[in-house]
């Protein structure tokens, strides 16, 4: 059986033109043959897929257990990327919580970033040594500290500092440094060739004369002689005259290295701890019937002064320049978290 096809119009003459072709039409038997063919192929495909689905776990289990096959690289990526992303987010939250507990969010963003580098350095250093890492504040604790109104903005400031310094730590000769910081120095930071049995040649005394502007720079405390004796650990046999003759030795930056009453000797840091002083930079003097202690600075005095760093940031110093100033000879190193 044939069919006549009529096609279009003559473009040149604009007259209707008929083009007649004869096209054979498949007969009914032929149509059934093609339909059966496609149905059989479809069934074969479905069966093949079923066999693969059933056998694939068995085959993979056999080879994996026998150690004869490894997952392809792209499969590794499919598995590792979500895990790495999750671990990265978790680390960011932990570091944000640590940072929130170590610095005022009122400071310049560059100071927050400098502190974030110190936080990460300490965190990675402790992990590498198998030690417990610094405490990370929870959101509830941050809310108690800042209040609900400031929680979101302060949290985001801390988190931004962590993210913007991603993977950055301070090292000295390819080793994590001891990331010391103090809130306010006594006008200079302390120098230490070693701390806790560890060499720290990067802890140099640097001038921070702007720290005298801080409201935390000075503090004054008064104690009766009995209170003074008890806190210091002196025996009751020590007289007021002996206490009045107390001898104090300081280092080149003005921090107390030794306190002596008679034969009793104590370090400046231990004195600070026993009396809960703001700083180990202090002066002791008898005033009437009391002992007066005047402290300078807030914190132990080693490493970065946060207050001085904030003054530097206001003078357009970035966090890298700040860290270089307080930790000379160190290198800002990028690691994979």
Protein backbone atom coordinates (compact mmCIF):
# COMPACT_ATOMS: atom_id res chain seq x y z
CA UNK A 1 0.00 0.00 0.00
CA UNK A 2 1.31 3.53 -0.90
CA UNK A 3 0.54 7.10 0.17
CA UNK A 4 0.72 10.39 -1.78
CA UNK A 5 2.53 13.25 0.00
CA UNK A 6 1.77 16.90 -0.88
CA UNK A 7 4.55 19.32 0.03
CA UNK A 8 4.47 23.16 0.15
CA UNK A 9 4.47 25.88 -2.47
CA UNK A 10 6.87 26.95 -5.22
CA UNK A 11 8.92 29.78 -3.67
CA UNK A 12 9.80 31.37 -7.04
CA UNK A 13 6.38 31.33 -8.77
CA UNK A 14 4.31 31.47 -5.59
CA UNK A 15 2.14 28.83 -7.20
CA UNK A 16 1.02 25.79 -5.36
CA UNK A 17 3.18 22.83 -6.35
CA UNK A 18 2.47 19.20 -5.65
CA UNK A 19 5.27 16.72 -5.19
CA UNK A 20 4.08 13.21 -5.23
CA UNK A 21 6.13 10.40 -3.70
CA UNK A 22 5.19 6.91 -2.90
CA UNK A 23 6.21 5.74 0.56
CA UNK A 24 5.75 2.15 1.57
CA UNK A 25 3.86 1.58 4.83
CA UNK A 26 4.83 -1.25 7.15
CA UNK A 27 2.32 -4.02 7.19
CA UNK A 28 0.81 -5.27 10.47
CA UNK A 29 3.08 -8.30 10.78
CA UNK A 30 6.14 -6.15 10.47
CA UNK A 31 4.93 -3.85 13.24
CA UNK A 32 4.41 -6.79 15.59
CA UNK A 33 7.94 -8.05 14.86
CA UNK A 34 9.50 -4.72 15.87
CA UNK A 35 7.38 -4.48 19.00
CA UNK A 36 8.37 -7.97 20.09
CA UNK A 37 12.01 -7.16 19.45
CA UNK A 38 11.98 -4.06 21.64
CA UNK A 39 10.09 -5.83 24.42
CA UNK A 40 12.61 -8.64 24.51
CA UNK A 41 15.53 -6.18 24.65
CA UNK A 42 13.86 -4.32 27.51
CA UNK A 43 13.37 -7.52 29.45
CA UNK A 44 17.01 -8.46 28.91
CA UNK A 45 18.16 -5.07 30.21
CA UNK A 46 16.01 -5.32 33.34
CA UNK A 47 17.26 -8.83 34.07
CA UNK A 48 20.87 -7.71 33.63
CA UNK A 49 20.39 -4.85 36.07
CA UNK A 50 18.79 -7.16 38.61
CA UNK A 51 21.71 -9.57 38.37
CA UNK A 52 24.22 -6.72 38.84
CA UNK A 53 22.32 -5.36 41.86
CA UNK A 54 22.25 -8.81 43.48
CA UNK A 55 25.84 -9.81 42.72
CA UNK A 56 27.64 -6.47 43.19
CA UNK A 57 27.62 -6.42 47.04
CA UNK A 58 28.82 -10.00 47.13
CA UNK A 59 31.67 -9.34 44.71
CA UNK A 60 32.75 -6.13 46.45
CA UNK A 61 32.66 -7.79 49.88
CA UNK A 62 34.80 -10.67 48.63
CA UNK A 63 37.44 -8.45 47.09
CA UNK A 64 37.52 -5.91 49.89
CA UNK A 65 37.93 -8.59 52.55
CA UNK A 66 40.64 -10.31 50.56
CA UNK A 67 42.49 -6.99 50.17
CA UNK A 68 42.61 -7.33 46.39
CA UNK A 69 40.69 -4.19 45.52
CA UNK A 70 40.69 -0.57 46.56
CA UNK A 71 37.99 2.00 46.14
CA UNK A 72 38.65 4.28 43.17
CA UNK A 73 39.88 7.79 43.90
CA UNK A 74 36.57 9.37 43.04
CA UNK A 75 34.83 7.05 45.52
CA UNK A 76 37.34 8.09 48.15
CA UNK A 77 36.42 11.69 47.50
CA UNK A 78 32.72 10.97 47.72
CA UNK A 79 33.26 9.49 51.19
CA UNK A 80 35.96 11.82 52.49
CA UNK A 81 34.63 15.20 51.37
CA UNK A 82 31.50 15.14 53.57
CA UNK A 83 33.54 13.81 56.50
CA UNK A 84 36.25 16.44 56.03
CA UNK A 85 33.66 19.19 55.70
CA UNK A 86 31.95 18.03 58.88
CA UNK A 87 35.28 17.87 60.75
CA UNK A 88 36.21 21.34 59.46
CA UNK A 89 32.93 22.83 60.68
CA UNK A 90 33.36 21.14 64.06
CA UNK A 91 36.90 22.52 64.42
CA UNK A 92 35.65 26.00 63.49
CA UNK A 93 32.99 25.87 66.20
CA UNK A 94 35.49 24.64 68.81
CA UNK A 95 38.03 27.35 67.95
CA UNK A 96 35.29 30.00 67.97
CA UNK A 97 34.29 28.91 71.48
CA UNK A 98 37.89 29.06 72.69
CA UNK A 99 38.45 32.48 71.14
CA UNK A 100 35.27 33.85 72.72
CA UNK A 101 36.63 32.99 76.15
CA UNK A 102 40.04 34.58 75.60
CA UNK A 103 39.44 38.07 74.22
CA UNK A 104 37.01 40.97 74.26
CA UNK A 105 34.97 41.23 71.08
CA UNK A 106 35.22 45.01 71.40
CA UNK A 107 38.75 44.79 70.06
CA UNK A 108 39.62 45.47 66.42
CA UNK A 109 39.00 42.58 63.95
CA UNK A 110 42.75 42.38 63.28
CA UNK A 111 43.38 41.72 66.97
CA UNK A 112 40.68 39.04 66.96
CA UNK A 113 42.42 37.42 63.98
CA UNK A 114 45.80 37.57 65.73
CA UNK A 115 44.26 35.91 68.78
CA UNK A 116 42.54 33.34 66.54
CA UNK A 117 45.96 32.31 65.19
CA UNK A 118 47.22 31.90 68.77
CA UNK A 119 44.12 29.87 69.65
CA UNK A 120 44.60 27.54 66.69
CA UNK A 121 48.32 27.21 67.45
CA UNK A 122 47.58 26.13 71.01
CA UNK A 123 44.79 23.83 69.86
CA UNK A 124 46.95 22.03 67.29
CA UNK A 125 49.92 21.95 69.66
CA UNK A 126 47.85 20.27 72.39
CA UNK A 127 46.33 17.78 69.95
CA UNK A 128 49.75 16.84 68.61
CA UNK A 129 51.00 16.28 72.17
CA UNK A 130 47.92 14.24 73.11
CA UNK A 131 46.88 16.84 75.70
CA UNK A 132 43.47 18.21 76.52
CA UNK A 133 42.74 21.31 74.44
CA UNK A 134 41.66 24.68 75.84
CA UNK A 135 38.07 24.99 77.00
CA UNK A 136 35.57 26.00 74.33
CA UNK A 137 32.52 27.98 75.43
CA UNK A 138 29.10 26.72 74.41
CA UNK A 139 26.47 29.04 72.93
CA UNK A 140 24.65 29.06 76.26
CA UNK A 141 27.81 30.17 78.05
CA UNK A 142 28.42 32.85 75.44
CA UNK A 143 24.88 34.10 75.93
CA UNK A 144 25.43 34.30 79.69
CA UNK A 145 28.65 36.23 79.11
CA UNK A 146 27.42 38.64 76.41
CA UNK A 147 23.66 38.65 76.84
CA UNK A 148 21.11 37.54 74.26
CA UNK A 149 21.15 40.87 72.41
CA UNK A 150 24.88 40.72 71.65
CA UNK A 151 25.19 36.95 71.22
CA UNK A 152 24.72 36.82 67.45
CA UNK A 153 26.98 39.76 66.58
CA UNK A 154 29.77 38.80 69.01
CA UNK A 155 29.65 35.16 67.99
CA UNK A 156 29.91 36.11 64.31
CA UNK A 157 32.88 38.40 65.03
CA UNK A 158 34.73 35.53 66.68
CA UNK A 159 33.77 33.00 64.02
CA UNK A 160 34.78 35.38 61.23
CA UNK A 161 38.24 35.76 62.78
CA UNK A 162 38.62 31.98 62.88
CA UNK A 163 37.46 31.53 59.29
CA UNK A 164 39.57 34.39 57.92
CA UNK A 165 42.73 32.85 59.43
CA UNK A 166 41.82 29.31 58.39
CA UNK A 167 44.67 26.86 58.95
CA UNK A 168 47.16 29.52 60.12
CA UNK A 169 49.44 28.79 63.09
CA UNK A 170 52.66 30.26 64.46
CA UNK A 171 55.76 28.10 64.32
CA UNK A 172 59.41 28.43 65.28
CA UNK A 173 61.84 26.09 63.50
CA UNK A 174 58.83 24.10 62.21
CA UNK A 175 57.44 23.59 65.71
CA UNK A 176 54.31 25.06 67.23
CA UNK A 177 55.17 27.93 69.55
CA UNK A 178 53.89 28.41 73.08
CA UNK A 179 51.09 30.88 72.20
CA UNK A 180 51.28 33.23 75.19
CA UNK A 181 49.15 36.33 75.49
CA UNK A 182 48.32 38.82 78.23
CA UNK A 183 45.46 41.28 78.51
CA UNK A 184 47.60 44.30 79.46
CA UNK A 185 51.36 44.41 79.92
CA UNK A 186 53.20 46.42 82.56
CA UNK A 187 54.53 48.71 79.84
CA UNK A 188 56.70 45.94 78.37
CA UNK A 189 56.14 42.25 77.83
CA UNK A 190 58.35 39.72 79.60
CA UNK A 191 61.31 37.94 78.06
CA UNK A 192 61.85 34.22 78.58
CA UNK A 193 64.46 31.97 77.01
CA UNK A 194 62.49 29.04 78.41
CA UNK A 195 59.15 28.37 80.06
CA UNK A 196 58.07 25.13 81.68
CA UNK A 197 61.22 23.41 80.51
CA UNK A 198 60.64 24.43 76.89
CA UNK A 199 62.91 26.76 74.95
CA UNK A 200 61.06 29.95 73.98
CA UNK A 201 63.58 32.23 72.22
CA UNK A 202 60.69 34.01 70.48
CA UNK A 203 59.36 35.42 73.77
CA UNK A 204 61.19 38.73 73.72
CA UNK A 205 60.47 41.80 75.82
CA UNK A 206 58.84 44.42 73.59
CA UNK A 207 57.76 47.96 74.45
CA UNK A 208 54.01 48.45 74.99
CA UNK A 209 53.90 51.95 76.41
CA UNK A 210 50.32 52.42 75.21
CA UNK A 211 49.20 49.88 77.84
CA UNK A 212 49.39 52.57 80.52
CA UNK A 213 46.18 53.98 79.00
CA UNK A 214 44.21 50.87 79.89
CA UNK A 215 41.80 51.07 82.81
CA UNK A 216 43.22 47.69 83.90
CA UNK A 217 46.79 48.97 84.04
CA UNK A 218 46.86 49.73 87.78
CA UNK A 219 45.28 48.02 90.79
CA UNK A 220 45.79 48.62 94.52
CA UNK A 221 45.20 46.12 97.33
CA UNK A 222 45.57 46.42 101.10
CA UNK A 223 46.18 43.64 103.63
CA UNK A 224 46.55 43.51 107.38
CA UNK A 225 49.82 42.00 108.59
CA UNK A 226 48.06 38.80 109.62
CA UNK A 227 46.36 38.47 106.24
CA UNK A 228 49.63 39.16 104.47
CA UNK A 229 51.49 36.55 106.52
CA UNK A 230 48.84 33.87 105.92
CA UNK A 231 48.55 34.46 102.17
CA UNK A 232 52.28 34.48 101.73
CA UNK A 233 52.71 31.34 103.78
CA UNK A 234 54.84 32.87 106.54
CA UNK A 235 54.90 31.43 110.05
CA UNK A 236 53.34 33.34 112.92
CA UNK A 237 56.81 33.84 114.36
CA UNK A 238 57.66 36.30 111.57
CA UNK A 239 57.37 39.78 113.03
CA UNK A 240 55.86 42.88 111.46
CA UNK A 241 59.32 44.40 111.29
CA UNK A 242 60.57 41.46 109.23
CA UNK A 243 57.57 41.72 106.90
CA UNK A 244 58.19 45.42 106.49
CA UNK A 245 61.74 44.64 105.33
CA UNK A 246 60.47 42.48 102.48
CA UNK A 247 62.92 42.28 99.53
CA UNK A 248 61.73 42.19 95.92
CA UNK A 249 63.82 41.39 92.83
CA UNK A 250 62.62 42.21 89.33
CA UNK A 251 63.63 41.32 85.79
CA UNK A 252 64.61 43.84 83.10
CA UNK A 253 60.94 44.44 82.18
CA UNK A 254 59.96 45.23 85.78
CA UNK A 255 58.22 41.95 86.62
CA UNK A 256 58.96 40.41 90.00
CA UNK A 257 61.23 37.39 89.86
CA UNK A 258 61.71 36.84 93.60
CA UNK A 259 60.22 37.93 96.95
CA UNK A 260 62.13 37.37 100.18
CA UNK A 261 61.12 37.79 103.84
CA UNK A 262 63.90 36.69 106.16
CA UNK A 263 64.86 33.22 104.96
CA UNK A 264 61.54 32.68 103.21
CA UNK A 265 61.77 32.97 99.39
CA UNK A 266 58.99 32.85 96.83
CA UNK A 267 58.81 33.61 93.07
CA UNK A 268 56.88 36.56 91.71
CA UNK A 269 54.50 34.29 89.81
CA UNK A 270 53.76 32.25 92.93
CA UNK A 271 53.20 35.47 94.87
CA UNK A 272 50.73 36.55 92.22
CA UNK A 273 48.89 33.24 92.49
CA UNK A 274 48.68 33.25 96.30
CA UNK A 275 47.43 36.82 96.49
CA UNK A 276 45.35 36.58 93.29
CA UNK A 277 47.11 39.63 91.89
CA UNK A 278 46.38 41.03 88.43
CA UNK A 279 50.03 40.78 87.44
CA UNK A 280 53.45 39.61 88.64
CA UNK A 281 54.61 43.20 88.22
CA UNK A 282 53.93 44.65 91.66
CA UNK A 283 55.26 46.88 94.45
CA UNK A 284 54.90 46.14 98.17
CA UNK A 285 55.04 48.77 100.87
CA UNK A 286 53.84 49.27 104.43
CA UNK A 287 51.25 52.03 104.76
CA UNK A 288 50.30 52.74 108.37
CA UNK A 289 49.29 49.39 109.86
CA UNK A 290 48.71 47.65 106.52
CA UNK A 291 50.69 46.17 103.64
CA UNK A 292 49.87 47.74 100.28
CA UNK A 293 50.41 45.96 96.94
CA UNK A 294 50.22 47.97 93.71
CA UNK A 295 50.11 45.95 90.48
CA UNK A 296 50.80 47.03 86.92
CA UNK A 297 49.18 45.22 84.01
CA UNK A 298 46.70 42.39 83.75
CA UNK A 299 48.00 38.89 83.05
CA UNK A 300 51.34 37.09 83.27
CA UNK A 301 53.05 39.49 80.85
CA UNK A 302 54.35 36.98 78.28
CA UNK A 303 53.64 37.13 74.55
CA UNK A 304 51.05 39.36 72.92
CA UNK A 305 49.51 42.22 74.86
CA UNK A 306 45.93 42.36 73.60
CA UNK A 307 45.51 45.99 74.60
CA UNK A 308 48.73 47.09 72.85
CA UNK A 309 47.77 44.98 69.83
CA UNK A 310 44.47 46.85 69.65
CA UNK A 311 46.34 50.17 69.62
CA UNK A 312 48.52 48.82 66.80
CA UNK A 313 45.43 47.78 64.84
CA UNK A 314 43.99 51.28 65.21
CA UNK A 315 47.21 52.46 63.52
CA UNK A 316 46.40 50.19 60.54
CA UNK A 317 48.64 47.29 61.52
CA UNK A 318 47.22 43.94 60.37
CA UNK A 319 47.22 40.73 62.37
CA UNK A 320 50.33 39.40 60.64
CA UNK A 321 52.31 42.51 61.57
CA UNK A 322 51.00 42.32 65.12
CA UNK A 323 52.11 38.71 65.52
CA UNK A 324 55.52 39.44 64.02
CA UNK A 325 56.01 42.28 66.51
CA UNK A 326 55.18 40.21 69.58
CA UNK A 327 56.76 36.93 68.43
CA UNK A 328 59.94 37.86 66.51
CA UNK A 329 61.51 35.05 64.52
CA UNK A 330 58.31 33.02 64.21
CA UNK A 331 56.65 32.01 60.94
CA UNK A 332 52.96 32.16 60.09
CA UNK A 333 52.42 28.66 58.72
CA UNK A 334 49.42 27.24 56.86
CA UNK A 335 48.29 23.79 57.89
CA UNK A 336 45.42 21.53 56.88
CA UNK A 337 42.91 21.39 59.72
